[in-house]
Each structure stands twice: as structure tokens, then as C-alpha cells.
């Protein structure tokens, strides 16, 4: 007759073990859901940060382009100013040469006139 008692005790023990296993499984499912929820939030944050980085890179690239364009424009302006100044200097040099030649001719005429006197 001890067999039925042992059998009943074993059944109760197995039922209690099964119940604990179910509770552990429920806790594991909840923990997994919680982790997945946290990971989903992290994924969204990572995606937002990546988007923010891309936007900042775009801003930096646009600023670099603007700086490069400004520098090129400034360089072109400087070249134009230099070319203009060179043209002015050439014109002044030509004018100076003309005046110098006129003065030489005038000197020669005066020298010749004074020698004749």
C-alpha cells in the first residue's frame, strides 16, 4: 500500500515541478519581450543618431563647398585685379617711354640749337 502514497507524492512532486517550469517559462517569455522592447528602442535611437550624423555630414559638406567656392571666387577676383594692375602698369610704362622719347628729342633739338648759337 505504500506504492500509492509514493505514487501520489511523486505525482504531486511532478505537478509542482511542472508548475515551476511553467512559471519559469512565463518569466523567460516576459524577460525576452522586455529585452526585445529595449532593443527596439535602441535600434530606433541608433537609427536616429545615424540620421543625425548623415545630416551633419551634409551640412559640413555644404559648408566646405561654400568655402571652396568663396575661395575660388576670391582667387578669380584677385587674378582680375592683378591683371588690371598689370594693364595699368603697361599703359603707364608706354606713356613713360613716350614722354622719355619726347624729352630726348627735345633735348637733342635744344642741344643742336645751342651748338648752332
PDB file of N, CA and C in Angstrom:
ATOM      1  N   UNK A   1       0.796  -1.189   0.000  1.00  0.00           N
ATOM      2  CA  UNK A   1       0.000   0.000   0.000  1.00  0.00           C
ATOM      3  C   UNK A   1       0.846   1.264   0.000  1.00  0.00           C
ATOM      4  N   UNK A   2       2.057   1.120   0.248  1.00  0.00           N
ATOM      5  CA  UNK A   2       2.937   2.279   0.215  1.00  0.00           C
ATOM      6  C   UNK A   2       3.116   2.784  -1.199  1.00  0.00           C
ATOM      7  N   UNK A   3       2.933   1.976  -2.125  1.00  0.00           N
ATOM      8  CA  UNK A   3       3.089   2.360  -3.515  1.00  0.00           C
ATOM      9  C   UNK A   3       2.151   3.485  -3.905  1.00  0.00           C
ATOM     10  N   UNK A   4       0.868   3.406  -3.580  1.00  0.00           N
ATOM     11  CA  UNK A   4       0.002   4.513  -3.980  1.00  0.00           C
ATOM     12  C   UNK A   4       0.404   5.833  -3.332  1.00  0.00           C
ATOM     13  N   UNK A   5       0.871   5.776  -2.084  1.00  0.00           N
ATOM     14  CA  UNK A   5       1.288   7.015  -1.409  1.00  0.00           C
ATOM     15  C   UNK A   5       2.504   7.585  -2.126  1.00  0.00           C
ATOM     16  N   UNK A   6       3.438   6.708  -2.426  1.00  0.00           N
ATOM     17  CA  UNK A   6       4.627   7.162  -3.136  1.00  0.00           C
ATOM     18  C   UNK A   6       4.253   7.665  -4.520  1.00  0.00           C
ATOM     19  N   UNK A   7       3.312   6.981  -5.132  1.00  0.00           N
ATOM     20  CA  UNK A   7       2.870   7.387  -6.461  1.00  0.00           C
ATOM     21  C   UNK A   7       2.202   8.755  -6.378  1.00  0.00           C
ATOM     22  N   UNK A   8       1.324   8.954  -5.385  1.00  0.00           N
ATOM     23  CA  UNK A   8       0.662  10.256  -5.212  1.00  0.00           C
ATOM     24  C   UNK A   8       1.683  11.352  -4.908  1.00  0.00           C
ATOM     25  N   UNK A   9       2.655  11.051  -4.079  1.00  0.00           N
ATOM     26  CA  UNK A   9       3.692  12.026  -3.730  1.00  0.00           C
ATOM     27  C   UNK A   9       4.514  12.379  -4.966  1.00  0.00           C
ATOM     28  N   UNK A  10       4.802  11.345  -5.759  1.00  0.00           N
ATOM     29  CA  UNK A  10       5.573  11.565  -6.982  1.00  0.00           C
ATOM     30  C   UNK A  10       4.770  12.416  -7.963  1.00  0.00           C
ATOM     31  N   UNK A  11       3.467  12.154  -8.088  1.00  0.00           N
ATOM     32  CA  UNK A  11       2.600  12.929  -8.979  1.00  0.00           C
ATOM     33  C   UNK A  11       2.553  14.383  -8.515  1.00  0.00           C
ATOM     34  N   UNK A  12       2.386  14.588  -7.194  1.00  0.00           N
ATOM     35  CA  UNK A  12       2.354  15.955  -6.658  1.00  0.00           C
ATOM     36  C   UNK A  12       3.684  16.655  -6.903  1.00  0.00           C
ATOM     37  N   UNK A  13       4.766  15.918  -6.710  1.00  0.00           N
ATOM     38  CA  UNK A  13       6.101  16.486  -6.924  1.00  0.00           C
ATOM     39  C   UNK A  13       6.282  16.891  -8.384  1.00  0.00           C
ATOM     40  N   UNK A  14       5.875  15.994  -9.299  1.00  0.00           N
ATOM     41  CA  UNK A  14       5.998  16.269 -10.730  1.00  0.00           C
ATOM     42  C   UNK A  14       5.092  17.423 -11.153  1.00  0.00           C
ATOM     43  N   UNK A  15       3.860  17.464 -10.555  1.00  0.00           N
ATOM     44  CA  UNK A  15       2.954  18.570 -10.870  1.00  0.00           C
ATOM     45  C   UNK A  15       3.539  19.902 -10.384  1.00  0.00           C
ATOM     46  N   UNK A  16       4.136  19.898  -9.194  1.00  0.00           N
ATOM     47  CA  UNK A  16       4.755  21.110  -8.651  1.00  0.00           C
ATOM     48  C   UNK A  16       5.948  21.516  -9.523  1.00  0.00           C
ATOM     49  N   UNK A  17       6.729  20.541  -9.962  1.00  0.00           N
ATOM     50  CA  UNK A  17       7.867  20.821 -10.839  1.00  0.00           C
ATOM     51  C   UNK A  17       7.392  21.389 -12.172  1.00  0.00           C
ATOM     52  N   UNK A  18       6.313  20.806 -12.705  1.00  0.00           N
ATOM     53  CA  UNK A  18       5.730  21.283 -13.958  1.00  0.00           C
ATOM     54  C   UNK A  18       5.226  22.716 -13.797  1.00  0.00           C
ATOM     55  N   UNK A  19       4.600  23.009 -12.676  1.00  0.00           N
ATOM     56  CA  UNK A  19       4.088  24.350 -12.402  1.00  0.00           C
ATOM     57  C   UNK A  19       5.254  25.347 -12.320  1.00  0.00           C
ATOM     58  N   UNK A  20       6.327  24.967 -11.619  1.00  0.00           N
ATOM     59  CA  UNK A  20       7.513  25.846 -11.523  1.00  0.00           C
ATOM     60  C   UNK A  20       8.129  26.055 -12.919  1.00  0.00           C
ATOM     61  N   UNK A  21       8.158  24.994 -13.710  1.00  0.00           N
ATOM     62  CA  UNK A  21       8.717  25.102 -15.059  1.00  0.00           C
ATOM     63  C   UNK A  21       7.878  26.064 -15.904  1.00  0.00           C
ATOM     64  N   UNK A  22       6.545  26.005 -15.748  1.00  0.00           N
ATOM     65  CA  UNK A  22       5.660  26.924 -16.473  1.00  0.00           C
ATOM     66  C   UNK A  22       5.904  28.371 -16.029  1.00  0.00           C
ATOM     67  N   UNK A  23       6.063  28.551 -14.712  1.00  0.00           N
ATOM     68  CA  UNK A  23       6.325  29.889 -14.198  1.00  0.00           C
ATOM     69  C   UNK A  23       7.654  30.436 -14.735  1.00  0.00           C
ATOM     70  N   UNK A  24       8.664  29.560 -14.766  1.00  0.00           N
ATOM     71  CA  UNK A  24       9.967  29.959 -15.305  1.00  0.00           C
ATOM     72  C   UNK A  24       9.854  30.307 -16.793  1.00  0.00           C
ATOM     73  N   UNK A  25       9.067  29.521 -17.520  1.00  0.00           N
ATOM     74  CA  UNK A  25       8.870  29.771 -18.947  1.00  0.00           C
ATOM     75  C   UNK A  25       8.167  31.114 -19.153  1.00  0.00           C
ATOM     76  N   UNK A  26       7.133  31.387 -18.334  1.00  0.00           N
ATOM     77  CA  UNK A  26       6.415  32.662 -18.428  1.00  0.00           C
ATOM     78  C   UNK A  26       7.366  33.815 -18.135  1.00  0.00           C
ATOM     79  N   UNK A  27       8.196  33.684 -17.094  1.00  0.00           N
ATOM     80  CA  UNK A  27       9.172  34.720 -16.751  1.00  0.00           C
ATOM     81  C   UNK A  27      10.177  34.915 -17.895  1.00  0.00           C
ATOM     82  N   UNK A  28      10.598  33.808 -18.505  1.00  0.00           N
ATOM     83  CA  UNK A  28      11.549  33.892 -19.612  1.00  0.00           C
ATOM     84  C   UNK A  28      10.925  34.610 -20.804  1.00  0.00           C
ATOM     85  N   UNK A  29       9.645  34.300 -21.091  1.00  0.00           N
ATOM     86  CA  UNK A  29       8.948  34.963 -22.203  1.00  0.00           C
ATOM     87  C   UNK A  29       8.828  36.457 -21.922  1.00  0.00           C
ATOM     88  N   UNK A  30       8.472  36.816 -20.673  1.00  0.00           N
ATOM     89  CA  UNK A  30       8.365  38.229 -20.301  1.00  0.00           C
ATOM     90  C   UNK A  30       9.724  38.929 -20.416  1.00  0.00           C
ATOM     91  N   UNK A  31      10.767  38.250 -19.930  1.00  0.00           N
ATOM     92  CA  UNK A  31      12.116  38.830 -19.995  1.00  0.00           C
ATOM     93  C   UNK A  31      12.553  39.027 -21.439  1.00  0.00           C
ATOM     94  N   UNK A  32      12.250  38.056 -22.276  1.00  0.00           N
ATOM     95  CA  UNK A  32      12.602  38.169 -23.687  1.00  0.00           C
ATOM     96  C   UNK A  32      11.852  39.326 -24.336  1.00  0.00           C
ATOM     97  N   UNK A  33      10.556  39.430 -24.045  1.00  0.00           N
ATOM     98  CA  UNK A  33       9.757  40.533 -24.593  1.00  0.00           C
ATOM     99  C   UNK A  33      10.315  41.871 -24.127  1.00  0.00           C
ATOM    100  N   UNK A  34      10.682  41.958 -22.865  1.00  0.00           N
ATOM    101  CA  UNK A  34      11.255  43.180 -22.324  1.00  0.00           C
ATOM    102  C   UNK A  34      12.566  43.525 -23.034  1.00  0.00           C
ATOM    103  N   UNK A  35      13.419  42.529 -23.231  1.00  0.00           N
ATOM    104  CA  UNK A  35      14.694  42.749 -23.924  1.00  0.00           C
ATOM    105  C   UNK A  35      14.462  43.184 -25.365  1.00  0.00           C
ATOM    106  N   UNK A  36      13.523  42.529 -26.045  1.00  0.00           N
ATOM    107  CA  UNK A  36      13.217  42.901 -27.421  1.00  0.00           C
ATOM    108  C   UNK A  36      12.692  44.325 -27.497  1.00  0.00           C
ATOM    109  N   UNK A  37      11.869  44.701 -26.525  1.00  0.00           N
ATOM    110  CA  UNK A  37      11.342  46.065 -26.475  1.00  0.00           C
ATOM    111  C   UNK A  37      12.480  47.062 -26.275  1.00  0.00           C
ATOM    112  N   UNK A  38      13.395  46.735 -25.355  1.00  0.00           N
ATOM    113  CA  UNK A  38      14.546  47.613 -25.124  1.00  0.00           C
ATOM    114  C   UNK A  38      15.422  47.697 -26.367  1.00  0.00           C
ATOM    115  N   UNK A  39      15.642  46.571 -27.028  1.00  0.00           N
ATOM    116  CA  UNK A  39      16.451  46.568 -28.241  1.00  0.00           C
ATOM    117  C   UNK A  39      15.783  47.374 -29.346  1.00  0.00           C
ATOM    118  N   UNK A  40      14.465  47.265 -29.442  1.00  0.00           N
ATOM    119  CA  UNK A  40      13.734  48.027 -30.448  1.00  0.00           C
ATOM    120  C   UNK A  40      13.934  49.512 -30.191  1.00  0.00           C
ATOM    121  N   UNK A  41      13.858  49.914 -28.967  1.00  0.00           N
ATOM    122  CA  UNK A  41      14.099  51.310 -28.615  1.00  0.00           C
ATOM    123  C   UNK A  41      15.519  51.720 -28.951  1.00  0.00           C
ATOM    124  N   UNK A  42      16.471  50.821 -28.700  1.00  0.00           N
ATOM    125  CA  UNK A  42      17.875  51.111 -29.011  1.00  0.00           C
ATOM    126  C   UNK A  42      18.066  51.218 -30.515  1.00  0.00           C
ATOM    127  N   UNK A  43      17.440  50.323 -31.272  1.00  0.00           N
ATOM    128  CA  UNK A  43      17.536  50.380 -32.728  1.00  0.00           C
ATOM    129  C   UNK A  43      17.020  51.716 -33.246  1.00  0.00           C
ATOM    130  N   UNK A  44      15.908  52.165 -32.699  1.00  0.00           N
ATOM    131  CA  UNK A  44      15.345  53.440 -33.129  1.00  0.00           C
ATOM    132  C   UNK A  44      16.290  54.588 -32.790  1.00  0.00           C
ATOM    133  N   UNK A  45      16.905  54.525 -31.595  1.00  0.00           N
ATOM    134  CA  UNK A  45      17.853  55.561 -31.200  1.00  0.00           C
ATOM    135  C   UNK A  45      19.077  55.542 -32.116  1.00  0.00           C
ATOM    136  N   UNK A  46      19.570  54.341 -32.409  1.00  0.00           N
ATOM    137  CA  UNK A  46      20.729  54.217 -33.301  1.00  0.00           C
ATOM    138  C   UNK A  46      20.391  54.763 -34.680  1.00  0.00           C
ATOM    139  N   UNK A  47      19.214  54.426 -35.182  1.00  0.00           N
ATOM    140  CA  UNK A  47      18.789  54.918 -36.484  1.00  0.00           C
ATOM    141  C   UNK A  47      18.692  56.440 -36.470  1.00  0.00           C
ATOM    142  N   UNK A  48      18.148  56.996 -35.400  1.00  0.00           N
ATOM    143  CA  UNK A  48      18.036  58.460 -35.282  1.00  0.00           C
ATOM    144  C   UNK A  48      19.423  59.100 -35.224  1.00  0.00           C
ATOM    145  N   UNK A  49      20.346  58.487 -34.477  1.00  0.00           N
ATOM    146  CA  UNK A  49      21.706  59.013 -34.394  1.00  0.00           C
ATOM    147  C   UNK A  49      22.417  58.941 -35.751  1.00  0.00           C
ATOM    148  N   UNK A  50      22.230  57.831 -36.454  1.00  0.00           N
ATOM    149  CA  UNK A  50      22.832  57.703 -37.782  1.00  0.00           C
ATOM    150  C   UNK A  50      22.290  58.771 -38.726  1.00  0.00           C
ATOM    151  N   UNK A  51      20.974  59.022 -38.665  1.00  0.00           N
ATOM    152  CA  UNK A  51      20.360  60.056 -39.493  1.00  0.00           C
ATOM    153  C   UNK A  51      20.930  61.426 -39.126  1.00  0.00           C
ATOM    154  N   UNK A  52      21.080  61.675 -37.830  1.00  0.00           N
ATOM    155  CA  UNK A  52      21.641  62.938 -37.360  1.00  0.00           C
ATOM    156  C   UNK A  52      23.065  63.113 -37.889  1.00  0.00           C
ATOM    157  N   UNK A  53      23.853  62.048 -37.858  1.00  0.00           N
ATOM    158  CA  UNK A  53      25.229  62.102 -38.369  1.00  0.00           C
ATOM    159  C   UNK A  53      25.229  62.405 -39.865  1.00  0.00           C
ATOM    160  N   UNK A  54      24.336  61.739 -40.610  1.00  0.00           N
ATOM    161  CA  UNK A  54      24.252  61.998 -42.058  1.00  0.00           C
ATOM    162  C   UNK A  54      23.887  63.456 -42.325  1.00  0.00           C
ATOM    163  N   UNK A  55      22.936  63.989 -41.561  1.00  0.00           N
ATOM    164  CA  UNK A  55      22.525  65.382 -41.740  1.00  0.00           C
ATOM    165  C   UNK A  55      23.678  66.333 -41.434  1.00  0.00           C
ATOM    166  N   UNK A  56      24.421  66.049 -40.362  1.00  0.00           N
ATOM    167  CA  UNK A  56      25.565  66.901 -40.018  1.00  0.00           C
ATOM    168  C   UNK A  56      26.650  66.815 -41.089  1.00  0.00           C
ATOM    169  N   UNK A  57      26.870  65.609 -41.608  1.00  0.00           N
ATOM    170  CA  UNK A  57      27.838  65.454 -42.696  1.00  0.00           C
ATOM    171  C   UNK A  57      27.420  66.278 -43.905  1.00  0.00           C
ATOM    172  N   UNK A  58      26.119  66.262 -44.217  1.00  0.00           N
ATOM    173  CA  UNK A  58      25.609  67.057 -45.333  1.00  0.00           C
ATOM    174  C   UNK A  58      25.857  68.546 -45.101  1.00  0.00           C
ATOM    175  N   UNK A  59      25.602  69.000 -43.877  1.00  0.00           N
ATOM    176  CA  UNK A  59      25.831  70.413 -43.544  1.00  0.00           C
ATOM    177  C   UNK A  59      27.314  70.755 -43.704  1.00  0.00           C
ATOM    178  N   UNK A  60      28.175  69.877 -43.181  1.00  0.00           N
ATOM    179  CA  UNK A  60      29.618  70.102 -43.288  1.00  0.00           C
ATOM    180  C   UNK A  60      30.040  70.134 -44.751  1.00  0.00           C
ATOM    181  N   UNK A  61      29.533  69.213 -45.554  1.00  0.00           N
ATOM    182  CA  UNK A  61      29.876  69.173 -46.978  1.00  0.00           C
ATOM    183  C   UNK A  61      29.425  70.446 -47.689  1.00  0.00           C
ATOM    184  N   UNK A  62      28.212  70.917 -47.358  1.00  0.00           N
ATOM    185  CA  UNK A  62      27.724  72.154 -47.975  1.00  0.00           C
ATOM    186  C   UNK A  62      28.605  73.339 -47.580  1.00  0.00           C
ATOM    187  N   UNK A  63      28.992  73.396 -46.300  1.00  0.00           N
ATOM    188  CA  UNK A  63      29.863  74.489 -45.842  1.00  0.00           C
ATOM    189  C   UNK A  63      31.222  74.420 -46.534  1.00  0.00           C
ATOM    190  N   UNK A  64      31.762  73.207 -46.663  1.00  0.00           N
ATOM    191  CA  UNK A  64      33.041  73.054 -47.363  1.00  0.00           C
ATOM    192  C   UNK A  64      32.915  73.521 -48.809  1.00  0.00           C
ATOM    193  N   UNK A  65      31.809  73.162 -49.470  1.00  0.00           N
ATOM    194  CA  UNK A  65      31.578  73.599 -50.846  1.00  0.00           C
ATOM    195  C   UNK A  65      31.490  75.119 -50.925  1.00  0.00           C
ATOM    196  N   UNK A  66      30.786  75.734 -49.961  1.00  0.00           N
ATOM    197  CA  UNK A  66      30.652  77.188 -49.945  1.00  0.00           C
ATOM    198  C   UNK A  66      32.015  77.850 -49.743  1.00  0.00           C
ATOM    199  N   UNK A  67      32.815  77.301 -48.826  1.00  0.00           N
ATOM    200  CA  UNK A  67      34.145  77.856 -48.567  1.00  0.00           C
ATOM    201  C   UNK A  67      35.017  77.725 -49.815  1.00  0.00           C
ATOM    202  N   UNK A  68      34.964  76.554 -50.436  1.00  0.00           N
ATOM    203  CA  UNK A  68      35.750  76.318 -51.646  1.00  0.00           C
ATOM    204  C   UNK A  68      35.328  77.281 -52.751  1.00  0.00           C
ATOM    205  N   UNK A  69      34.015  77.447 -52.929  1.00  0.00           N
ATOM    206  CA  UNK A  69      33.511  78.358 -53.962  1.00  0.00           C
ATOM    207  C   UNK A  69      33.920  79.790 -53.645  1.00  0.00           C
ATOM    208  N   UNK A  70      33.831  80.175 -52.389  1.00  0.00           N
ATOM    209  CA  UNK A  70      34.223  81.527 -51.984  1.00  0.00           C
ATOM    210  C   UNK A  70      35.710  81.748 -52.242  1.00  0.00           C
ATOM    211  N   UNK A  71      36.517  80.759 -51.897  1.00  0.00           N
ATOM    212  CA  UNK A  71      37.962  80.870 -52.112  1.00  0.00           C
ATOM    213  C   UNK A  71      38.269  80.972 -53.605  1.00  0.00           C
ATOM    214  N   UNK A  72      37.599  80.164 -54.408  1.00  0.00           N
ATOM    215  CA  UNK A  72      37.803  80.226 -55.854  1.00  0.00           C
ATOM    216  C   UNK A  72      37.377  81.578 -56.398  1.00  0.00           C
ATOM    217  N   UNK A  73      36.248  82.084 -55.926  1.00  0.00           N
ATOM    218  CA  UNK A  73      35.763  83.388 -56.351  1.00  0.00           C
ATOM    219  C   UNK A  73      36.756  84.476 -55.955  1.00  0.00           C
ATOM    220  N   UNK A  74      37.263  84.401 -54.733  1.00  0.00           N
ATOM    221  CA  UNK A  74      38.242  85.381 -54.259  1.00  0.00           C
ATOM    222  C   UNK A  74      39.509  85.308 -55.108  1.00  0.00           C
ATOM    223  N   UNK A  75      39.938  84.094 -55.424  1.00  0.00           N
ATOM    224  CA  UNK A  75      41.131  83.913 -56.248  1.00  0.00           C
ATOM    225  C   UNK A  75      40.924  84.528 -57.634  1.00  0.00           C
ATOM    226  N   UNK A  76      39.754  84.303 -58.205  1.00  0.00           N
ATOM    227  CA  UNK A  76      39.447  84.885 -59.519  1.00  0.00           C
ATOM    228  C   UNK A  76      39.456  86.406 -59.440  1.00  0.00           C
ATOM    229  N   UNK A  77      38.841  86.952 -58.381  1.00  0.00           N
ATOM    230  CA  UNK A  77      38.835  88.401 -58.198  1.00  0.00           C
ATOM    231  C   UNK A  77      40.256  88.930 -58.086  1.00  0.00           C
ATOM    232  N   UNK A  78      41.092  88.245 -57.325  1.00  0.00           N
ATOM    233  CA  UNK A  78      42.481  88.678 -57.147  1.00  0.00           C
ATOM    234  C   UNK A  78      43.233  88.634 -58.479  1.00  0.00           C
ATOM    235  N   UNK A  79      43.017  87.568 -59.254  1.00  0.00           N
ATOM    236  CA  UNK A  79      43.657  87.480 -60.569  1.00  0.00           C
ATOM    237  C   UNK A  79      43.218  88.623 -61.468  1.00  0.00           C
ATOM    238  N   UNK A  80      41.907  88.932 -61.435  1.00  0.00           N
ATOM    239  CA  UNK A  80      41.398  90.034 -62.252  1.00  0.00           C
ATOM    240  C   UNK A  80      42.011  91.363 -61.833  1.00  0.00           C
ATOM    241  N   UNK A  81      42.130  91.580 -60.518  1.00  0.00           N
ATOM    242  CA  UNK A  81      42.747  92.813 -60.023  1.00  0.00           C
ATOM    243  C   UNK A  81      44.202  92.885 -60.467  1.00  0.00           C
ATOM    244  N   UNK A  82      44.908  91.773 -60.351  1.00  0.00           N
ATOM    245  CA  UNK A  82      46.319  91.750 -60.765  1.00  0.00           C
ATOM    246  C   UNK A  82      46.447  92.030 -62.252  1.00  0.00           C
ATOM    247  N   UNK A  83      45.593  91.404 -63.059  1.00  0.00           N
ATOM    248  CA  UNK A  83      45.634  91.647 -64.499  1.00  0.00           C
ATOM    249  C   UNK A  83      45.329  93.111 -64.820  1.00  0.00           C
ATOM    250  N   UNK A  84      44.370  93.670 -64.113  1.00  0.00           N
ATOM    251  CA  UNK A  84      44.014  95.079 -64.313  1.00  0.00           C
ATOM    252  C   UNK A  84      45.201  95.977 -63.955  1.00  0.00           C
ATOM    253  N   UNK A  85      45.843  95.687 -62.819  1.00  0.00           N
ATOM    254  CA  UNK A  85      47.002  96.484 -62.391  1.00  0.00           C
ATOM    255  C   UNK A  85      48.151  96.332 -63.387  1.00  0.00           C
ATOM    256  N   UNK A  86      48.346  95.125 -63.919  1.00  0.00           N
ATOM    257  CA  UNK A  86      49.391  94.912 -64.917  1.00  0.00           C
ATOM    258  C   UNK A  86      49.106  95.721 -66.181  1.00  0.00           C
ATOM    259  N   UNK A  87      47.853  95.743 -66.588  1.00  0.00           N
ATOM    260  CA  UNK A  87      47.475  96.535 -67.759  1.00  0.00           C
ATOM    261  C   UNK A  87      47.731  98.011 -67.506  1.00  0.00           C
ATOM    262  N   UNK A  88      47.386  98.494 -66.309  1.00  0.00           N
ATOM    263  CA  UNK A  88      47.635  99.891 -65.960  1.00  0.00           C
ATOM    264  C   UNK A  88      49.131 100.191 -65.976  1.00  0.00           C
ATOM    265  N   UNK A  89      49.922  99.250 -65.421  1.00  0.00           N
ATOM    266  CA  UNK A  89      51.378  99.443 -65.398  1.00  0.00           C
ATOM    267  C   UNK A  89      51.946  99.471 -66.815  1.00  0.00           C
ATOM    268  N   UNK A  90      51.455  98.617 -67.682  1.00  0.00           N
ATOM    269  CA  UNK A  90      51.925  98.616 -69.075  1.00  0.00           C
ATOM    270  C   UNK A  90      51.584  99.936 -69.747  1.00  0.00           C
ATOM    271  N   UNK A  91      50.364 100.410 -69.493  1.00  0.00           N
ATOM    272  CA  UNK A  91      49.950 101.693 -70.074  1.00  0.00           C
ATOM    273  C   UNK A  91      50.827 102.821 -69.548  1.00  0.00           C
ATOM    274  N   UNK A  92      51.114 102.818 -68.246  1.00  0.00           N
ATOM    275  CA  UNK A  92      51.994 103.841 -67.661  1.00  0.00           C
ATOM    276  C   UNK A  92      53.404 103.740 -68.224  1.00  0.00           C
ATOM    277  N   UNK A  93      53.880 102.511 -68.407  1.00  0.00           N
ATOM    278  CA  UNK A  93      55.219 102.305 -68.966  1.00  0.00           C
ATOM    279  C   UNK A  93      55.282 102.848 -70.389  1.00  0.00           C
ATOM    280  N   UNK A  94      54.249 102.571 -71.185  1.00  0.00           N
ATOM    281  CA  UNK A  94      54.194 103.079 -72.548  1.00  0.00           C
ATOM    282  C   UNK A  94      54.172 104.612 -72.528  1.00  0.00           C
ATOM    283  N   UNK A  95      53.364 105.182 -71.649  1.00  0.00           N
ATOM    284  CA  UNK A  95      53.287 106.640 -71.524  1.00  0.00           C
ATOM    285  C   UNK A  95      54.639 107.213 -71.087  1.00  0.00           C
ATOM    286  N   UNK A  96      55.284 106.559 -70.140  1.00  0.00           N
ATOM    287  CA  UNK A  96      56.593 106.994 -69.678  1.00  0.00           C
ATOM    288  C   UNK A  96      57.610 106.937 -70.823  1.00  0.00           C
ATOM    289  N   UNK A  97      57.603 105.836 -71.571  1.00  0.00           N
ATOM    290  CA  UNK A  97      58.523 105.694 -72.714  1.00  0.00           C
ATOM    291  C   UNK A  97      58.283 106.797 -73.732  1.00  0.00           C
ATOM    292  N   UNK A  98      57.006 107.104 -74.005  1.00  0.00           N
ATOM    293  CA  UNK A  98      56.669 108.175 -74.958  1.00  0.00           C
ATOM    294  C   UNK A  98      57.200 109.521 -74.468  1.00  0.00           C
ATOM    295  N   UNK A  99      56.969 109.802 -73.169  1.00  0.00           N
ATOM    296  CA  UNK A  99      57.441 111.071 -72.601  1.00  0.00           C
ATOM    297  C   UNK A  99      58.969 111.116 -72.627  1.00  0.00           C
ATOM    298  N   UNK A 100      59.590 110.013 -72.280  1.00  0.00           N
ATOM    299  CA  UNK A 100      61.043 109.935 -72.284  1.00  0.00           C
ATOM    300  C   UNK A 100      61.590 110.194 -73.677  1.00  0.00           C
ATOM    301  N   UNK A 101      61.000 109.599 -74.691  1.00  0.00           N
ATOM    302  CA  UNK A 101      61.442 109.793 -76.065  1.00  0.00           C
ATOM    303  C   UNK A 101      61.235 111.251 -76.484  1.00  0.00           C
ATOM    304  N   UNK A 102      60.111 111.823 -76.105  1.00  0.00           N
ATOM    305  CA  UNK A 102      59.835 113.225 -76.424  1.00  0.00           C
ATOM    306  C   UNK A 102      60.879 114.126 -75.769  1.00  0.00           C
ATOM    307  N   UNK A 103      61.196 113.832 -74.509  1.00  0.00           N
ATOM    308  CA  UNK A 103      62.207 114.620 -73.806  1.00  0.00           C
ATOM    309  C   UNK A 103      63.575 114.485 -74.476  1.00  0.00           C
ATOM    310  N   UNK A 104      63.933 113.279 -74.906  1.00  0.00           N
ATOM    311  CA  UNK A 104      65.210 113.073 -75.599  1.00  0.00           C
ATOM    312  C   UNK A 104      65.266 113.886 -76.902  1.00  0.00           C
ATOM    313  N   UNK A 105      64.175 113.827 -77.636  1.00  0.00           N
ATOM    314  CA  UNK A 105      64.132 114.586 -78.896  1.00  0.00           C
ATOM    315  C   UNK A 105      64.237 116.088 -78.614  1.00  0.00           C
ATOM    316  N   UNK A 106      63.489 116.520 -77.575  1.00  0.00           N
ATOM    317  CA  UNK A 106      63.530 117.934 -77.208  1.00  0.00           C
ATOM    318  C   UNK A 106      64.949 118.324 -76.796  1.00  0.00           C
ATOM    319  N   UNK A 107      65.598 117.476 -76.014  1.00  0.00           N
ATOM    320  CA  UNK A 107      66.969 117.743 -75.583  1.00  0.00           C
ATOM    321  C   UNK A 107      67.898 117.824 -76.794  1.00  0.00           C
ATOM    322  N   UNK A 108      67.723 116.884 -77.731  1.00  0.00           N
ATOM    323  CA  UNK A 108      68.574 116.886 -78.920  1.00  0.00           C
ATOM    324  C   UNK A 108      68.377 118.167 -79.732  1.00  0.00           C
ATOM    325  N   UNK A 109      67.112 118.579 -79.848  1.00  0.00           N
ATOM    326  CA  UNK A 109      66.821 119.811 -80.592  1.00  0.00           C
ATOM    327  C   UNK A 109      67.462 121.008 -79.887  1.00  0.00           C
ATOM    328  N   UNK A 110      67.269 121.077 -78.564  1.00  0.00           N
ATOM    329  CA  UNK A 110      67.838 122.181 -77.800  1.00  0.00           C
ATOM    330  C   UNK A 110      69.368 122.155 -77.865  1.00  0.00           C
ATOM    331  N   UNK A 111      69.933 120.972 -77.753  1.00  0.00           N
ATOM    332  CA  UNK A 111      71.388 120.828 -77.813  1.00  0.00           C
ATOM    333  C   UNK A 111      71.911 121.283 -79.175  1.00  0.00           C
ATOM    334  N   UNK A 112      71.230 120.875 -80.173  1.00  0.00           N
ATOM    335  CA  UNK A 112      71.612 121.252 -81.540  1.00  0.00           C
ATOM    336  C   UNK A 112      71.471 122.756 -81.730  1.00  0.00           C
ATOM    337  N   UNK A 113      70.414 123.324 -81.193  1.00  0.00           N
ATOM    338  CA  UNK A 113      70.162 124.769 -81.315  1.00  0.00           C
ATOM    339  C   UNK A 113      71.261 125.548 -80.572  1.00  0.00           C
ATOM    340  N   UNK A 114      71.587 125.133 -79.368  1.00  0.00           N
ATOM    341  CA  UNK A 114      72.615 125.824 -78.594  1.00  0.00           C
ATOM    342  C   UNK A 114      73.993 125.694 -79.261  1.00  0.00           C
ATOM    343  N   UNK A 115      74.262 124.611 -79.913  1.00  0.00           N
ATOM    344  CA  UNK A 115      75.547 124.421 -80.599  1.00  0.00           C
ATOM    345  C   UNK A 115      75.653 125.331 -81.803  1.00  0.00           C
ATOM    346  N   UNK A 116      74.491 125.566 -82.396  1.00  0.00           N
ATOM    347  CA  UNK A 116      74.493 126.449 -83.555  1.00  0.00           C
ATOM    348  C   UNK A 116      74.695 127.905 -83.123  1.00  0.00           C
ATOM    349  N   UNK A 117      74.262 128.189 -81.928  1.00  0.00           N
ATOM    350  CA  UNK A 117      74.407 129.571 -81.456  1.00  0.00           C
ATOM    351  C   UNK A 117      75.809 129.777 -81.008  1.00  0.00           C
TER     352      UNK A 117
END
